[in-house]
Protein backbone atom coordinates (compact mmCIF):
# COMPACT_ATOMS: atom_id res chain seq x y z
CA UNK A 1 -20.08 2.91 15.41
CA UNK A 2 -16.38 2.14 14.25
CA UNK A 3 -14.90 3.80 11.48
CA UNK A 4 -12.90 1.36 8.90
CA UNK A 5 -12.19 4.07 6.57
CA UNK A 6 -8.46 3.86 5.41
CA UNK A 7 -7.67 0.97 7.17
CA UNK A 8 -5.49 -2.30 5.84
CA UNK A 9 -6.49 -5.92 6.96
CA UNK A 10 -5.15 -9.29 6.47
CA UNK A 11 -6.10 -12.70 7.29
CA UNK A 12 -5.09 -14.66 10.22
CA UNK A 13 -7.47 -17.68 9.71
CA UNK A 14 -9.70 -18.88 6.86
CA UNK A 15 -11.75 -22.05 6.40
CA UNK A 16 -10.37 -24.85 3.81
CA UNK A 17 -12.74 -23.77 0.98
CA UNK A 18 -11.91 -19.81 0.94
CA UNK A 19 -9.64 -18.18 -1.34
CA UNK A 20 -8.01 -15.41 1.20
CA UNK A 21 -4.49 -16.02 2.81
CA UNK A 22 -2.23 -13.74 5.17
CA UNK A 23 -0.62 -12.70 1.62
CA UNK A 24 -4.37 -11.13 0.96
CA UNK A 25 -4.83 -7.42 1.76
CA UNK A 26 -8.08 -5.25 1.96
CA UNK A 27 -7.98 -1.93 1.98
CA UNK A 28 -11.46 -0.43 3.55
CA UNK A 29 -12.74 3.01 2.88
CA UNK A 30 -15.90 3.80 4.50
CA UNK A 31 -18.05 6.79 3.76
CA UNK A 32 -21.34 7.16 6.40
CA UNK A 33 -22.35 3.21 6.61
CA UNK A 34 -21.54 2.34 3.58
CA UNK A 35 -18.20 0.32 3.14
CA UNK A 36 -16.24 -0.79 0.15
CA UNK A 37 -12.51 -2.53 -0.10
CA UNK A 38 -10.01 -3.27 -2.69
CA UNK A 39 -8.09 -6.60 -2.17
CA UNK A 40 -5.64 -9.30 -3.95
CA UNK A 41 -3.07 -11.02 -3.28
CA UNK A 42 -2.34 -14.92 -2.36
CA UNK A 43 -4.49 -16.59 -4.61
CA UNK A 44 -6.74 -13.57 -5.36
CA UNK A 45 -5.95 -11.26 -8.51
CA UNK A 46 -8.12 -8.58 -7.78
CA UNK A 47 -11.41 -8.62 -5.63
CA UNK A 48 -14.01 -5.75 -4.59
CA UNK A 49 -16.47 -5.88 -1.86
CA UNK A 50 -19.13 -3.55 -0.58
CA UNK A 51 -21.41 -3.54 2.48
CA UNK A 52 -23.66 -1.59 5.08
CA UNK A 53 -21.73 -1.19 8.85
CA UNK A 54 -24.45 -0.71 11.64
CA UNK A 55 -24.47 1.00 14.78
CA UNK A 56 -22.03 -1.48 16.78
CA UNK A 57 -19.64 -2.02 13.89
CA UNK A 58 -21.09 -5.09 12.20
CA UNK A 59 -20.66 -5.68 8.65
CA UNK A 60 -23.27 -7.23 6.17
CA UNK A 61 -21.10 -7.25 2.78
CA UNK A 62 -21.27 -8.88 -1.17
CA UNK A 63 -17.97 -9.87 -2.71
CA UNK A 64 -16.51 -10.49 -5.91
CA UNK A 65 -13.10 -11.78 -7.03
CA UNK A 66 -10.99 -13.09 -9.92
CA UNK A 67 -8.72 -15.65 -8.96
CA UNK A 68 -5.72 -17.41 -10.32
CA UNK A 69 -7.36 -19.40 -12.07
CA UNK A 70 -8.99 -17.06 -13.98
CA UNK A 71 -12.32 -17.73 -12.11
CA UNK A 72 -15.04 -15.16 -10.78
CA UNK A 73 -16.14 -15.88 -7.41
CA UNK A 74 -19.26 -14.38 -5.76
CA UNK A 75 -20.57 -14.45 -2.12
CA UNK A 76 -21.57 -12.59 0.65
CA UNK A 77 -20.49 -12.23 4.58
CA UNK A 78 -21.03 -10.88 7.94
CA UNK A 79 -18.48 -9.58 10.16
CA UNK A 80 -18.11 -8.94 13.82
CA UNK A 81 -15.74 -6.48 15.04
CA UNK A 82 -13.84 -7.23 18.32
CA UNK A 83 -11.57 -4.65 19.48
CA UNK A 84 -7.97 -5.95 20.64
CA UNK A 85 -5.86 -4.54 23.78
CA UNK A 86 -3.73 -2.13 21.13
CA UNK A 87 -6.87 -0.68 20.08
CA UNK A 88 -6.86 -2.79 16.76
CA UNK A 89 -9.69 -4.52 14.99
CA UNK A 90 -10.43 -7.96 14.47
CA UNK A 91 -13.31 -9.08 12.37
CA UNK A 92 -15.17 -12.56 12.84
CA UNK A 93 -16.43 -13.53 9.63
CA UNK A 94 -19.14 -16.07 8.26
CA UNK A 95 -19.68 -16.04 4.61
CA UNK A 96 -21.02 -18.39 1.76
CA UNK A 97 -20.23 -18.47 -1.79
CA UNK A 98 -22.60 -17.71 -4.40
CA UNK A 99 -20.95 -19.04 -7.27
CA UNK A 100 -19.15 -22.38 -7.20
CA UNK A 101 -20.05 -24.82 -4.99
CA UNK A 102 -21.74 -22.53 -2.44
CA UNK A 103 -20.07 -23.77 0.30
CA UNK A 104 -20.00 -21.71 3.54
CA UNK A 105 -16.83 -20.87 5.93
CA UNK A 106 -15.06 -18.56 8.25
CA UNK A 107 -12.54 -16.30 8.50
CA UNK A 108 -11.27 -13.99 10.68
CA UNK A 109 -8.83 -11.12 9.52
CA UNK A 110 -7.02 -8.46 11.32
CA UNK A 111 -5.87 -4.71 11.07
CA UNK A 112 -2.59 -3.85 10.34
């Protein structure tokens, strides 16, 4: 299992309907297979996620965040890891809003 504990991630790409940007910073914490993160930056004032990590490092998570418009946004996401040549982790994410327009998207975040 990949250990994400105390790692920082930043988005490198996101669908147009997403709110994260290269200004958003995620701080991952992991205990056993339980993953949590606080994040903020760019259009996001404050966000949290909670999820489960499987044996191959895939993450299934739910998230909620407050954006700069003052809206509470919620959704779910699955992340698949890729280990880069320098040993850092890149996560390929597929997500969907459970608030707002319920649209779907894809993003990539990388360990800093």
